[in-house]
Protein backbone atom coordinates (compact mmCIF):
# COMPACT_ATOMS: atom_id res chain seq x y z
CA MET A 1 -5.85 19.47 9.46
CA ASP A 2 -8.82 18.73 10.91
CA ALA A 3 -10.14 15.48 12.30
CA MET A 4 -12.15 14.14 9.31
CA MET A 5 -9.03 14.81 7.02
CA LYS A 6 -6.92 12.54 8.80
CA MET A 7 -9.64 9.91 8.95
CA TRP A 8 -9.97 9.49 5.36
CA VAL A 9 -5.88 9.89 4.92
CA SER A 10 -5.22 6.76 8.00
CA LEU A 11 -8.86 5.01 5.86
CA ILE A 12 -6.00 5.05 2.77
CA GLY A 13 -3.32 4.82 4.24
CA ILE A 14 -5.29 1.76 5.40
CA GLY A 15 -6.08 0.35 2.63
CA LEU A 16 -2.99 1.13 0.33
CA MET A 17 -1.06 -1.17 2.72
CA ALA A 18 -3.75 -3.88 2.81
CA ILE A 19 -4.13 -3.79 -1.69
CA SER A 20 0.12 -4.23 -1.45
CA ALA A 21 -0.21 -7.59 0.55
CA VAL A 22 -2.60 -9.21 -1.84
CA ILE A 23 -0.98 -8.08 -5.14
CA ILE A 24 3.25 -8.93 -2.64
CA THR A 25 0.59 -12.55 -1.91
CA PHE A 26 -0.27 -12.57 -5.29
CA ALA A 27 2.63 -12.24 -7.43
CA ARG A 28 5.02 -14.83 -4.98
CA ILE A 29 2.32 -17.82 -5.42
CA LYS A 30 1.10 -17.52 -8.55
CA THR A 31 3.26 -15.52 -10.94
CA LYS A 32 7.17 -15.83 -12.42
CA GLY A 33 9.77 -14.17 -13.97
CA ILE A 34 9.09 -10.65 -15.08
CA VAL A 35 6.03 -10.06 -14.05
CA LYS A 36 6.56 -11.26 -10.53
CA PHE A 37 8.76 -8.52 -10.54
CA ILE A 38 6.75 -6.05 -11.25
CA LEU A 39 4.22 -6.86 -9.09
CA SER A 40 6.12 -6.83 -6.52
CA LEU A 41 7.43 -3.34 -7.67
CA ILE A 42 4.40 -1.61 -7.37
CA ALA A 43 2.84 -3.38 -4.15
CA PHE A 44 5.84 -1.88 -2.59
CA VAL A 45 5.85 1.29 -3.79
CA LEU A 46 1.81 0.89 -3.11
CA LEU A 47 3.13 0.16 0.80
CA ILE A 48 5.07 3.37 1.45
CA ILE A 49 2.22 5.28 -0.32
CA GLY A 50 0.44 3.87 2.63
CA PHE A 51 3.04 4.19 5.04
CA ILE A 52 3.71 8.41 4.04
CA CYS A 53 -0.37 7.93 4.41
CA GLY A 54 -0.71 7.41 7.83
CA VAL A 55 3.19 9.23 9.21
CA ILE A 56 0.83 11.91 7.47
CA SER A 57 -3.03 11.20 9.34
CA ILE A 58 -0.42 11.04 12.68
CA ILE A 59 1.15 14.85 12.49
């Protein structure tokens, strides 16, 4: 993978982690019940995908 592709993959990973942080903060402050669980699950999945993108950009 060339340097530009690694840059884009790492930026996507950072973006996904930032979106995940915003979603989990919103879910914990403003929602309750099943909506909180679904938003937390979505945030967790985005965090894992962002982490994988970060690991790929390092390798």
